[in-house]
Protein backbone atom coordinates (compact mmCIF):
# COMPACT_ATOMS: atom_id res chain seq x y z
CA UNK A 1 -54.38 -81.38 23.72
CA UNK A 2 -52.59 -78.74 25.77
CA UNK A 3 -53.18 -74.98 25.04
CA UNK A 4 -49.62 -74.79 24.23
CA UNK A 5 -50.34 -77.83 21.59
CA UNK A 6 -52.71 -75.72 19.93
CA UNK A 7 -50.00 -72.91 18.95
CA UNK A 8 -47.19 -75.69 18.20
CA UNK A 9 -45.57 -74.64 21.45
CA UNK A 10 -43.72 -76.77 24.42
CA UNK A 11 -45.19 -76.18 27.84
CA UNK A 12 -43.36 -72.63 29.14
CA UNK A 13 -43.55 -70.11 31.84
CA UNK A 14 -42.46 -67.68 29.43
CA UNK A 15 -44.18 -67.05 26.36
CA UNK A 16 -43.35 -64.47 23.26
CA UNK A 17 -46.64 -62.86 23.52
CA UNK A 18 -46.15 -61.08 20.12
CA UNK A 19 -45.32 -64.14 18.69
CA UNK A 20 -48.70 -65.65 20.04
CA UNK A 21 -50.59 -62.84 19.03
CA UNK A 22 -49.56 -63.32 15.45
CA UNK A 23 -49.85 -67.09 15.36
CA UNK A 24 -53.79 -66.71 16.97
CA UNK A 25 -54.31 -64.23 14.18
CA UNK A 26 -52.90 -66.90 11.24
CA UNK A 27 -55.03 -69.53 13.07
CA UNK A 28 -58.00 -67.48 13.60
CA UNK A 29 -57.89 -66.81 10.04
CA UNK A 30 -57.42 -70.56 9.11
CA UNK A 31 -60.45 -72.29 11.53
CA UNK A 32 -62.60 -68.95 11.16
CA UNK A 33 -66.27 -70.26 11.05
CA UNK A 34 -66.99 -67.82 8.41
CA UNK A 35 -64.67 -70.07 5.79
CA UNK A 36 -66.87 -72.80 6.32
CA UNK A 37 -70.10 -71.24 6.08
CA UNK A 38 -70.91 -73.64 2.76
CA UNK A 39 -69.63 -76.74 4.60
CA UNK A 40 -71.68 -79.31 5.80
CA UNK A 41 -73.08 -79.24 9.63
CA UNK A 42 -69.90 -81.62 10.86
CA UNK A 43 -67.34 -79.39 8.96
CA UNK A 44 -68.93 -76.27 10.53
CA UNK A 45 -69.36 -77.45 13.56
CA UNK A 46 -65.34 -78.72 13.59
CA UNK A 47 -64.43 -75.24 12.67
CA UNK A 48 -66.45 -73.88 15.57
CA UNK A 49 -64.97 -76.09 17.99
CA UNK A 50 -61.23 -75.47 16.55
CA UNK A 51 -62.20 -71.35 16.94
CA UNK A 52 -63.40 -72.02 20.68
CA UNK A 53 -60.37 -73.66 21.67
CA UNK A 54 -57.99 -71.75 20.11
CA UNK A 55 -59.41 -68.62 22.00
CA UNK A 56 -59.39 -70.37 25.03
CA UNK A 57 -55.82 -71.16 24.72
CA UNK A 58 -54.96 -67.77 23.68
CA UNK A 59 -57.00 -66.21 26.56
CA UNK A 60 -54.84 -68.24 28.78
CA UNK A 61 -51.40 -68.57 27.35
CA UNK A 62 -51.27 -64.33 26.62
CA UNK A 63 -51.78 -63.75 30.59
CA UNK A 64 -48.38 -64.51 32.56
CA UNK A 65 -50.87 -65.49 35.70
CA UNK A 66 -53.20 -67.42 34.00
CA UNK A 67 -50.35 -69.01 32.08
CA UNK A 68 -48.43 -69.88 35.35
CA UNK A 69 -51.80 -71.32 37.02
CA UNK A 70 -52.15 -73.61 33.41
CA UNK A 71 -48.65 -75.01 33.91
CA UNK A 72 -49.00 -75.70 37.53
CA UNK A 73 -52.25 -77.53 36.44
CA UNK A 74 -50.57 -79.28 33.58
CA UNK A 75 -48.40 -80.63 36.55
CA UNK A 76 -51.24 -81.94 38.71
CA UNK A 77 -52.54 -79.16 40.42
CA UNK A 78 -55.77 -77.33 39.74
CA UNK A 79 -56.14 -74.04 42.41
CA UNK A 80 -59.90 -73.80 40.59
CA UNK A 81 -60.85 -77.54 41.99
CA UNK A 82 -61.76 -78.20 45.80
CA UNK A 83 -59.53 -81.06 46.09
CA UNK A 84 -56.40 -78.92 44.82
CA UNK A 85 -57.16 -75.91 46.72
CA UNK A 86 -57.36 -77.68 50.00
CA UNK A 87 -53.94 -79.15 49.00
CA UNK A 88 -52.38 -76.02 48.91
CA UNK A 89 -52.73 -75.66 52.57
CA UNK A 90 -51.33 -71.89 52.72
CA UNK A 91 -49.35 -71.25 55.94
CA UNK A 92 -51.05 -69.98 59.16
CA UNK A 93 -49.10 -66.66 59.38
CA UNK A 94 -50.33 -65.70 55.62
CA UNK A 95 -53.81 -66.88 56.37
CA UNK A 96 -53.89 -64.49 59.39
CA UNK A 97 -52.42 -61.70 57.05
CA UNK A 98 -55.30 -62.21 54.62
CA UNK A 99 -57.82 -61.67 57.22
CA UNK A 100 -56.15 -58.56 58.64
CA UNK A 101 -56.27 -56.87 55.27
CA UNK A 102 -60.04 -57.97 54.72
CA UNK A 103 -60.86 -56.47 57.69
CA UNK A 104 -58.81 -53.10 56.55
CA UNK A 105 -60.32 -53.03 53.60
CA UNK A 106 -64.15 -53.62 54.80
CA UNK A 107 -63.04 -50.52 57.30
CA UNK A 108 -62.46 -48.57 54.07
CA UNK A 109 -64.85 -49.79 51.89
CA UNK A 110 -67.45 -48.74 54.86
CA UNK A 111 -65.61 -45.14 55.00
CA UNK A 112 -65.23 -45.17 50.64
CA UNK A 113 -62.18 -44.33 51.20
CA UNK A 114 -61.07 -44.79 47.50
CA UNK A 115 -57.36 -43.41 48.36
CA UNK A 116 -56.40 -45.19 51.25
CA UNK A 117 -57.73 -48.70 49.39
CA UNK A 118 -55.79 -47.77 46.43
CA UNK A 119 -52.49 -47.33 48.43
CA UNK A 120 -53.33 -51.12 49.55
CA UNK A 121 -54.17 -52.25 46.09
CA UNK A 122 -50.65 -50.74 45.09
CA UNK A 123 -48.65 -52.48 47.96
CA UNK A 124 -50.46 -56.04 47.31
CA UNK A 125 -49.56 -55.63 43.33
CA UNK A 126 -46.09 -55.52 44.09
CA UNK A 127 -46.71 -58.54 46.79
CA UNK A 128 -48.40 -60.26 43.63
CA UNK A 129 -45.44 -59.58 41.34
CA UNK A 130 -43.10 -61.16 43.88
CA UNK A 131 -45.21 -63.77 44.44
CA UNK A 132 -46.03 -64.96 40.46
CA UNK A 133 -41.65 -64.59 40.03
CA UNK A 134 -41.34 -67.17 42.85
CA UNK A 135 -43.94 -69.44 41.50
CA UNK A 136 -42.58 -69.46 38.24
CA UNK A 137 -38.93 -69.99 39.81
CA UNK A 138 -40.65 -73.06 41.63
CA UNK A 139 -42.48 -74.34 38.67
CA UNK A 140 -38.85 -73.73 36.64
CA UNK A 141 -37.29 -76.18 39.15
CA UNK A 142 -40.41 -78.56 39.47
CA UNK A 143 -40.93 -77.96 42.90
CA UNK A 144 -45.09 -78.19 42.92
CA UNK A 145 -45.50 -77.62 46.22
CA UNK A 146 -43.93 -74.19 46.56
CA UNK A 147 -45.54 -72.96 43.12
CA UNK A 148 -48.94 -74.05 44.60
CA UNK A 149 -48.20 -71.99 47.72
CA UNK A 150 -47.21 -68.93 45.62
CA UNK A 151 -49.72 -69.07 43.03
CA UNK A 152 -52.55 -69.18 46.43
CA UNK A 153 -50.77 -65.46 47.10
CA UNK A 154 -51.47 -64.77 43.63
CA UNK A 155 -55.24 -65.43 43.85
CA UNK A 156 -55.93 -63.69 46.98
CA UNK A 157 -53.87 -60.81 45.70
CA UNK A 158 -55.50 -60.43 42.43
CA UNK A 159 -58.82 -61.01 44.13
CA UNK A 160 -57.85 -58.07 46.41
CA UNK A 161 -57.07 -55.73 43.84
CA UNK A 162 -60.37 -56.63 42.08
CA UNK A 163 -61.82 -55.57 45.47
CA UNK A 164 -60.64 -52.50 44.96
CA UNK A 165 -60.83 -51.61 41.62
CA UNK A 166 -64.82 -52.30 42.09
CA UNK A 167 -64.60 -50.01 44.85
CA UNK A 168 -63.02 -47.13 42.61
CA UNK A 169 -65.43 -48.13 39.93
CA UNK A 170 -68.27 -47.84 42.36
CA UNK A 171 -67.24 -44.58 43.85
CA UNK A 172 -66.88 -42.65 40.17
CA UNK A 173 -70.08 -43.78 39.45
């Protein structure tokens, strides 16, 4: 059963998050393990499994980035697996750009220059948004190769932003 099927939805890149949240609440109440506290062990286990499946599906579908990665996975490319990650084969120019930006970020970390790191992260956030739009467009026309490349970019951008946020958090401590 796919995450979409858990909520009775057709696989889609765009989801009505408010409706998804409402359906999650409804199903959470229906399958909550506390409702089955007096039931036999098999029924309690089933309720727990359904709740876990429901929560996992909800975490993925409510987040546009995770949802795009999931739709790509449904199309046969799991960027979390070694084989699929190698399949992405990012363009050399992008990889060179990644190395350059990593070096810049490392230099800023060494100087503890949070301000310049934040400026870089803001630029990267824009590129991440753009890559996500391109990935959704590619998935919409079933261009798995292009979607894979764009979501590979999104993954890099997300990690970069997380590093900057960690630097900011460290600096504020």
